[in-house]
Amino acid sequence: MATSDAQDLGQYGEQLVYQWLTQRRWQVIQQQWHSRFGEIDLIAKGHSGQGALSSEMIAFIEVKTRSQGNWDADGLLALTRSKQRKLQTTARYFLLRHPHLSELPCRFDIALVRCQSAPPAQGLHLQIPGLQKYLTLQTYLPNAF
């Protein structure tokens, strides 16, 4: 897959996760937030827990979009210790730039999105415009690292 095609696929994957988060009443406050330290795909504010234990928090979300038959466990193996440290450094810088959010608890989530040629039988999916390709959220890992 050419680099621009992979970037487009990644952006569609992020769009699917954005929709999934908003359905769960999370507010996506940044998409593809860049700094000199790196990029965070999605930054969202929402609630964790239920009832009296519910609290507002920030989630820094890494989205990995892969085709069927990929080599890296749907993108999970691409999240090396080095990549995790880079995301953590980028998140700290984000919080420095947005001090009004820095008091909220934070977590790092991973969303694994799969691209396939047939629509799923159920659940949220996104068809890539002009192609017979469909994206589904395979796995969402809150507090992944």
N, C-alpha and C. Protein backbone atom coordinates (compact mmCIF):
# COMPACT_ATOMS: atom_id res chain seq x y z
N MET A 1 0.85 -1.18 0.00
CA MET A 1 0.00 0.00 0.00
C MET A 1 0.89 1.24 0.00
N ALA A 2 0.62 2.17 -0.88
CA ALA A 2 1.39 3.40 -0.95
C ALA A 2 1.20 4.22 0.32
N THR A 3 2.18 5.07 0.62
CA THR A 3 2.15 5.85 1.86
C THR A 3 0.89 6.71 1.96
N SER A 4 0.51 7.41 0.88
CA SER A 4 -0.68 8.27 0.96
C SER A 4 -1.93 7.42 1.15
N ASP A 5 -1.99 6.23 0.56
CA ASP A 5 -3.14 5.35 0.77
C ASP A 5 -3.20 4.91 2.23
N ALA A 6 -2.04 4.58 2.82
CA ALA A 6 -2.00 4.18 4.22
C ALA A 6 -2.40 5.34 5.12
N GLN A 7 -1.97 6.56 4.78
CA GLN A 7 -2.36 7.74 5.57
C GLN A 7 -3.86 7.95 5.49
N ASP A 8 -4.43 7.82 4.28
CA ASP A 8 -5.87 7.96 4.11
C ASP A 8 -6.61 6.91 4.92
N LEU A 9 -6.14 5.67 4.86
CA LEU A 9 -6.75 4.58 5.62
C LEU A 9 -6.70 4.90 7.12
N GLY A 10 -5.57 5.41 7.59
CA GLY A 10 -5.43 5.79 8.99
C GLY A 10 -6.40 6.89 9.38
N GLN A 11 -6.59 7.86 8.49
CA GLN A 11 -7.52 8.96 8.80
C GLN A 11 -8.96 8.45 8.86
N TYR A 12 -9.31 7.51 7.98
CA TYR A 12 -10.66 6.93 8.05
C TYR A 12 -10.82 6.13 9.34
N GLY A 13 -9.77 5.45 9.76
CA GLY A 13 -9.81 4.72 11.02
C GLY A 13 -10.04 5.66 12.20
N GLU A 14 -9.35 6.79 12.18
CA GLU A 14 -9.54 7.80 13.23
C GLU A 14 -10.96 8.34 13.21
N GLN A 15 -11.52 8.52 12.03
CA GLN A 15 -12.89 9.01 11.90
C GLN A 15 -13.87 8.01 12.52
N LEU A 16 -13.65 6.72 12.29
CA LEU A 16 -14.51 5.69 12.88
C LEU A 16 -14.43 5.72 14.41
N VAL A 17 -13.23 5.82 14.96
CA VAL A 17 -13.06 5.86 16.41
C VAL A 17 -13.68 7.13 16.98
N TYR A 18 -13.55 8.24 16.28
CA TYR A 18 -14.19 9.50 16.68
C TYR A 18 -15.70 9.27 16.84
N GLN A 19 -16.32 8.65 15.83
CA GLN A 19 -17.76 8.39 15.90
C GLN A 19 -18.10 7.48 17.08
N TRP A 20 -17.28 6.46 17.29
CA TRP A 20 -17.50 5.51 18.38
C TRP A 20 -17.43 6.21 19.73
N LEU A 21 -16.45 7.10 19.90
CA LEU A 21 -16.30 7.84 21.15
C LEU A 21 -17.49 8.76 21.40
N THR A 22 -17.92 9.48 20.35
CA THR A 22 -19.04 10.41 20.54
C THR A 22 -20.33 9.66 20.84
N GLN A 23 -20.49 8.46 20.32
CA GLN A 23 -21.66 7.65 20.66
C GLN A 23 -21.65 7.28 22.15
N ARG A 24 -20.48 7.24 22.74
CA ARG A 24 -20.34 6.92 24.16
C ARG A 24 -20.24 8.18 25.02
N ARG A 25 -20.61 9.31 24.43
CA ARG A 25 -20.67 10.61 25.11
C ARG A 25 -19.31 11.16 25.52
N TRP A 26 -18.28 10.78 24.79
CA TRP A 26 -16.97 11.40 24.98
C TRP A 26 -16.89 12.57 24.01
N GLN A 27 -16.20 13.61 24.42
CA GLN A 27 -16.02 14.79 23.57
C GLN A 27 -14.59 14.77 23.04
N VAL A 28 -14.44 14.63 21.73
CA VAL A 28 -13.10 14.67 21.14
C VAL A 28 -12.69 16.14 21.08
N ILE A 29 -11.61 16.47 21.78
CA ILE A 29 -11.19 17.87 21.86
C ILE A 29 -10.04 18.18 20.91
N GLN A 30 -9.35 17.16 20.44
CA GLN A 30 -8.27 17.36 19.45
C GLN A 30 -8.17 16.11 18.57
N GLN A 31 -7.86 16.36 17.30
CA GLN A 31 -7.56 15.29 16.35
C GLN A 31 -6.18 15.57 15.77
N GLN A 32 -5.37 14.54 15.67
CA GLN A 32 -4.02 14.66 15.09
C GLN A 32 -3.27 15.84 15.68
N TRP A 33 -3.20 15.87 17.01
CA TRP A 33 -2.50 16.96 17.70
C TRP A 33 -1.00 16.76 17.58
N HIS A 34 -0.32 17.76 17.00
CA HIS A 34 1.12 17.68 16.72
C HIS A 34 1.92 18.57 17.68
N SER A 35 3.09 18.09 18.01
CA SER A 35 4.09 18.91 18.67
C SER A 35 5.44 18.45 18.14
N ARG A 36 6.50 19.08 18.61
CA ARG A 36 7.83 18.65 18.17
C ARG A 36 8.17 17.26 18.70
N PHE A 37 7.41 16.78 19.68
CA PHE A 37 7.67 15.47 20.27
C PHE A 37 6.95 14.34 19.56
N GLY A 38 5.88 14.67 18.83
CA GLY A 38 5.13 13.63 18.13
C GLY A 38 3.69 14.05 17.91
N GLU A 39 2.86 13.05 17.60
CA GLU A 39 1.45 13.29 17.31
C GLU A 39 0.60 12.34 18.13
N ILE A 40 -0.54 12.86 18.58
CA ILE A 40 -1.55 12.04 19.24
C ILE A 40 -2.77 12.05 18.33
N ASP A 41 -3.26 10.86 17.98
CA ASP A 41 -4.35 10.75 17.02
C ASP A 41 -5.63 11.43 17.50
N LEU A 42 -6.08 11.08 18.70
CA LEU A 42 -7.30 11.67 19.25
C LEU A 42 -7.08 11.96 20.73
N ILE A 43 -7.61 13.09 21.17
CA ILE A 43 -7.61 13.43 22.59
C ILE A 43 -9.07 13.70 22.94
N ALA A 44 -9.57 12.97 23.93
CA ALA A 44 -11.00 13.07 24.26
C ALA A 44 -11.19 13.28 25.76
N LYS A 45 -12.30 13.95 26.07
CA LYS A 45 -12.67 14.17 27.46
C LYS A 45 -14.00 13.46 27.70
N GLY A 46 -14.06 12.72 28.78
CA GLY A 46 -15.28 11.98 29.10
C GLY A 46 -15.29 11.53 30.53
N HIS A 47 -16.15 10.58 30.82
CA HIS A 47 -16.27 10.06 32.17
C HIS A 47 -15.87 8.60 32.22
N SER A 48 -15.19 8.27 33.28
CA SER A 48 -14.79 6.90 33.53
C SER A 48 -15.50 6.43 34.79
N GLY A 49 -15.91 5.19 34.81
CA GLY A 49 -16.61 4.66 35.97
C GLY A 49 -18.10 4.94 35.89
N GLN A 50 -18.82 4.48 36.92
CA GLN A 50 -20.27 4.65 36.94
C GLN A 50 -20.73 5.17 38.28
N GLY A 51 -21.88 5.82 38.26
CA GLY A 51 -22.49 6.30 39.49
C GLY A 51 -21.60 7.24 40.26
N ALA A 52 -21.50 7.01 41.57
CA ALA A 52 -20.69 7.86 42.43
C ALA A 52 -19.21 7.77 42.11
N LEU A 53 -18.80 6.69 41.44
CA LEU A 53 -17.39 6.51 41.09
C LEU A 53 -17.03 7.15 39.75
N SER A 54 -17.99 7.73 39.06
CA SER A 54 -17.74 8.37 37.78
C SER A 54 -16.92 9.64 37.97
N SER A 55 -15.92 9.81 37.14
CA SER A 55 -15.12 11.04 37.19
C SER A 55 -14.72 11.44 35.78
N GLU A 56 -14.60 12.75 35.59
CA GLU A 56 -14.19 13.29 34.30
C GLU A 56 -12.71 13.01 34.10
N MET A 57 -12.33 12.70 32.87
CA MET A 57 -10.94 12.41 32.58
C MET A 57 -10.60 12.70 31.13
N ILE A 58 -9.30 12.65 30.84
CA ILE A 58 -8.77 12.84 29.48
C ILE A 58 -8.20 11.49 29.01
N ALA A 59 -8.51 11.14 27.76
CA ALA A 59 -7.93 9.95 27.14
C ALA A 59 -7.10 10.38 25.94
N PHE A 60 -5.86 9.93 25.90
CA PHE A 60 -4.99 10.11 24.75
C PHE A 60 -5.07 8.80 23.97
N ILE A 61 -5.55 8.87 22.73
CA ILE A 61 -5.90 7.66 22.00
C ILE A 61 -5.03 7.49 20.76
N GLU A 62 -4.39 6.34 20.69
CA GLU A 62 -3.60 5.95 19.52
C GLU A 62 -4.47 5.00 18.71
N VAL A 63 -4.67 5.34 17.43
CA VAL A 63 -5.50 4.52 16.54
C VAL A 63 -4.58 3.80 15.56
N LYS A 64 -4.74 2.49 15.47
CA LYS A 64 -3.99 1.67 14.52
C LYS A 64 -4.98 1.02 13.59
N THR A 65 -4.86 1.30 12.29
CA THR A 65 -5.77 0.74 11.29
C THR A 65 -4.98 -0.21 10.41
N ARG A 66 -5.46 -1.43 10.30
CA ARG A 66 -4.75 -2.46 9.55
C ARG A 66 -5.71 -3.25 8.68
N SER A 67 -5.17 -3.80 7.58
CA SER A 67 -5.93 -4.71 6.73
C SER A 67 -5.85 -6.11 7.30
N GLN A 68 -6.74 -6.97 6.83
CA GLN A 68 -6.71 -8.37 7.27
C GLN A 68 -5.38 -8.99 6.86
N GLY A 69 -4.91 -9.92 7.65
CA GLY A 69 -3.66 -10.60 7.33
C GLY A 69 -2.43 -9.78 7.65
N ASN A 70 -2.54 -8.78 8.52
CA ASN A 70 -1.40 -7.94 8.86
C ASN A 70 -0.42 -8.72 9.71
N TRP A 71 0.78 -8.21 9.80
CA TRP A 71 1.87 -8.90 10.49
C TRP A 71 2.03 -8.50 11.95
N ASP A 72 1.37 -7.43 12.37
CA ASP A 72 1.67 -6.87 13.69
C ASP A 72 0.50 -6.86 14.67
N ALA A 73 -0.28 -7.95 14.65
CA ALA A 73 -1.39 -8.12 15.61
C ALA A 73 -2.34 -6.92 15.58
N ASP A 74 -2.79 -6.56 14.40
CA ASP A 74 -3.71 -5.43 14.19
C ASP A 74 -3.14 -4.09 14.66
N GLY A 75 -1.82 -3.97 14.68
CA GLY A 75 -1.16 -2.71 15.05
C GLY A 75 -0.64 -2.70 16.48
N LEU A 76 -1.02 -3.66 17.27
CA LEU A 76 -0.62 -3.68 18.68
C LEU A 76 0.90 -3.79 18.83
N LEU A 77 1.54 -4.57 17.98
CA LEU A 77 3.00 -4.73 18.07
C LEU A 77 3.76 -3.48 17.65
N ALA A 78 3.09 -2.57 16.97
CA ALA A 78 3.73 -1.31 16.56
C ALA A 78 3.86 -0.33 17.73
N LEU A 79 3.21 -0.62 18.84
CA LEU A 79 3.27 0.26 20.01
C LEU A 79 4.38 -0.18 20.95
N THR A 80 5.59 0.03 20.50
CA THR A 80 6.77 -0.34 21.27
C THR A 80 6.93 0.55 22.50
N ARG A 81 7.83 0.19 23.39
CA ARG A 81 8.12 1.03 24.56
C ARG A 81 8.54 2.43 24.12
N SER A 82 9.34 2.50 23.08
CA SER A 82 9.80 3.79 22.56
C SER A 82 8.61 4.64 22.09
N LYS A 83 7.67 4.03 21.36
CA LYS A 83 6.48 4.74 20.88
C LYS A 83 5.62 5.18 22.07
N GLN A 84 5.51 4.34 23.09
CA GLN A 84 4.73 4.69 24.27
C GLN A 84 5.34 5.90 24.99
N ARG A 85 6.66 5.90 25.13
CA ARG A 85 7.33 7.05 25.77
C ARG A 85 7.12 8.33 24.96
N LYS A 86 7.18 8.21 23.65
CA LYS A 86 6.96 9.36 22.78
C LYS A 86 5.53 9.91 22.96
N LEU A 87 4.55 9.02 23.04
CA LEU A 87 3.17 9.45 23.27
C LEU A 87 3.01 10.10 24.65
N GLN A 88 3.67 9.55 25.65
CA GLN A 88 3.59 10.12 27.00
C GLN A 88 4.22 11.52 27.04
N THR A 89 5.35 11.68 26.38
CA THR A 89 6.01 12.99 26.33
C THR A 89 5.12 13.99 25.59
N THR A 90 4.53 13.57 24.49
CA THR A 90 3.64 14.44 23.72
C THR A 90 2.41 14.83 24.56
N ALA A 91 1.88 13.88 25.32
CA ALA A 91 0.72 14.16 26.16
C ALA A 91 1.08 15.16 27.26
N ARG A 92 2.25 15.00 27.87
CA ARG A 92 2.67 15.96 28.91
C ARG A 92 2.78 17.37 28.32
N TYR A 93 3.32 17.46 27.11
CA TYR A 93 3.43 18.76 26.45
C TYR A 93 2.04 19.34 26.15
N PHE A 94 1.11 18.48 25.71
CA PHE A 94 -0.27 18.93 25.47
C PHE A 94 -0.85 19.53 26.75
N LEU A 95 -0.65 18.85 27.88
CA LEU A 95 -1.20 19.34 29.15
C LEU A 95 -0.54 20.65 29.59
N LEU A 96 0.75 20.82 29.28
CA LEU A 96 1.41 22.11 29.56
C LEU A 96 0.78 23.23 28.73
N ARG A 97 0.43 22.90 27.50
CA ARG A 97 -0.18 23.90 26.60
C ARG A 97 -1.65 24.15 26.92
N HIS A 98 -2.29 23.23 27.65
CA HIS A 98 -3.70 23.34 28.01
C HIS A 98 -3.86 23.13 29.52
N PRO A 99 -3.38 24.10 30.31
CA PRO A 99 -3.35 23.91 31.77
C PRO A 99 -4.73 23.70 32.40
N HIS A 100 -5.79 24.17 31.75
CA HIS A 100 -7.13 23.97 32.30
C HIS A 100 -7.53 22.50 32.30
N LEU A 101 -6.82 21.66 31.54
CA LEU A 101 -7.10 20.22 31.50
C LEU A 101 -6.14 19.41 32.35
N SER A 102 -5.08 20.05 32.85
CA SER A 102 -4.00 19.32 33.49
C SER A 102 -4.36 18.73 34.86
N GLU A 103 -5.46 19.16 35.45
CA GLU A 103 -5.86 18.62 36.74
C GLU A 103 -6.68 17.33 36.61
N LEU A 104 -7.13 17.03 35.39
CA LEU A 104 -7.95 15.84 35.19
C LEU A 104 -7.08 14.59 35.14
N PRO A 105 -7.58 13.46 35.63
CA PRO A 105 -6.85 12.21 35.46
C PRO A 105 -6.73 11.90 33.97
N CYS A 106 -5.64 11.23 33.60
CA CYS A 106 -5.38 10.90 32.19
C CYS A 106 -5.15 9.41 32.03
N ARG A 107 -5.41 8.94 30.83
CA ARG A 107 -5.09 7.55 30.49
C ARG A 107 -4.71 7.48 29.02
N PHE A 108 -4.05 6.39 28.65
CA PHE A 108 -3.65 6.14 27.27
C PHE A 108 -4.42 4.93 26.76
N ASP A 109 -5.19 5.15 25.70
CA ASP A 109 -6.01 4.10 25.11
C ASP A 109 -5.48 3.74 23.73
N ILE A 110 -5.77 2.53 23.31
CA ILE A 110 -5.41 2.08 21.96
C ILE A 110 -6.68 1.57 21.28
N ALA A 111 -6.90 2.03 20.05
CA ALA A 111 -8.02 1.56 19.24
C ALA A 111 -7.45 0.82 18.04
N LEU A 112 -7.84 -0.44 17.89
CA LEU A 112 -7.38 -1.26 16.77
C LEU A 112 -8.54 -1.39 15.78
N VAL A 113 -8.33 -0.86 14.57
CA VAL A 113 -9.35 -0.82 13.54
C VAL A 113 -8.93 -1.76 12.41
N ARG A 114 -9.88 -2.55 11.93
CA ARG A 114 -9.58 -3.49 10.85
C ARG A 114 -10.29 -3.06 9.57
N CYS A 115 -9.57 -3.18 8.45
CA CYS A 115 -10.11 -2.91 7.12
C CYS A 115 -10.39 -4.25 6.46
N GLN A 116 -11.61 -4.42 5.96
CA GLN A 116 -11.96 -5.68 5.31
C GLN A 116 -12.82 -5.40 4.09
N SER A 117 -13.00 -6.41 3.26
CA SER A 117 -13.72 -6.21 2.00
C SER A 117 -15.22 -6.44 2.12
N ALA A 118 -15.70 -6.95 3.24
CA ALA A 118 -17.14 -7.16 3.43
C ALA A 118 -17.59 -6.40 4.66
N PRO A 119 -18.81 -5.86 4.62
CA PRO A 119 -19.30 -5.15 5.80
C PRO A 119 -19.51 -6.14 6.94
N PRO A 120 -19.33 -5.69 8.18
CA PRO A 120 -19.54 -6.59 9.30
C PRO A 120 -21.03 -6.89 9.47
N ALA A 121 -21.32 -8.02 10.10
CA ALA A 121 -22.71 -8.42 10.32
C ALA A 121 -23.42 -7.46 11.27
N GLN A 122 -22.68 -6.87 12.20
CA GLN A 122 -23.28 -5.95 13.16
C GLN A 122 -22.24 -4.96 13.64
N GLY A 123 -22.72 -3.95 14.35
CA GLY A 123 -21.82 -2.98 14.96
C GLY A 123 -21.49 -1.81 14.05
N LEU A 124 -20.83 -0.83 14.65
CA LEU A 124 -20.43 0.38 13.95
C LEU A 124 -19.37 0.05 12.91
N HIS A 125 -19.57 0.55 11.71
CA HIS A 125 -18.55 0.40 10.67
C HIS A 125 -18.59 1.63 9.77
N LEU A 126 -17.57 1.76 8.97
CA LEU A 126 -17.44 2.89 8.06
C LEU A 126 -16.99 2.35 6.72
N GLN A 127 -17.74 2.69 5.66
CA GLN A 127 -17.31 2.30 4.32
C GLN A 127 -16.41 3.39 3.79
N ILE A 128 -15.28 2.98 3.24
CA ILE A 128 -14.35 3.95 2.64
C ILE A 128 -14.96 4.41 1.32
N PRO A 129 -15.13 5.72 1.16
CA PRO A 129 -15.77 6.24 -0.05
C PRO A 129 -15.10 5.75 -1.33
N GLY A 130 -15.93 5.27 -2.25
CA GLY A 130 -15.45 4.84 -3.55
C GLY A 130 -14.82 3.46 -3.58
N LEU A 131 -14.76 2.78 -2.46
CA LEU A 131 -14.13 1.46 -2.41
C LEU A 131 -15.07 0.46 -1.73
N GLN A 132 -14.87 -0.79 -2.03
CA GLN A 132 -15.59 -1.86 -1.34
C GLN A 132 -14.77 -2.30 -0.14
N LYS A 133 -14.40 -1.35 0.69
CA LYS A 133 -13.64 -1.62 1.91
C LYS A 133 -14.40 -1.04 3.09
N TYR A 134 -14.39 -1.79 4.18
CA TYR A 134 -15.13 -1.40 5.37
C TYR A 134 -14.21 -1.43 6.58
N LEU A 135 -14.37 -0.44 7.43
CA LEU A 135 -13.59 -0.38 8.66
C LEU A 135 -14.49 -0.73 9.84
N THR A 136 -13.95 -1.52 10.76
CA THR A 136 -14.64 -1.84 12.00
C THR A 136 -13.66 -1.68 13.15
N LEU A 137 -14.20 -1.29 14.29
CA LEU A 137 -13.39 -1.20 15.49
C LEU A 137 -13.24 -2.62 16.04
N GLN A 138 -12.05 -3.16 15.90
CA GLN A 138 -11.76 -4.53 16.31
C GLN A 138 -11.65 -4.62 17.83
N THR A 139 -10.85 -3.74 18.41
CA THR A 139 -10.58 -3.76 19.85
C THR A 139 -10.34 -2.33 20.33
N TYR A 140 -10.88 -2.02 21.51
CA TYR A 140 -10.58 -0.75 22.16
C TYR A 140 -10.03 -1.08 23.54
N LEU A 141 -8.79 -0.64 23.78
CA LEU A 141 -8.11 -0.96 25.03
C LEU A 141 -7.95 0.31 25.87
N PRO A 142 -8.84 0.54 26.84
CA PRO A 142 -8.64 1.68 27.75
C PRO A 142 -7.49 1.38 28.70
N ASN A 143 -6.78 2.42 29.11
CA ASN A 143 -5.63 2.23 30.03
C ASN A 143 -4.64 1.20 29.50
N ALA A 144 -4.32 1.31 28.23
CA ALA A 144 -3.48 0.30 27.59
C ALA A 144 -2.03 0.30 28.09
N PHE A 145 -1.54 1.47 28.47
CA PHE A 145 -0.17 1.55 29.02
C PHE A 145 -0.05 2.74 29.93
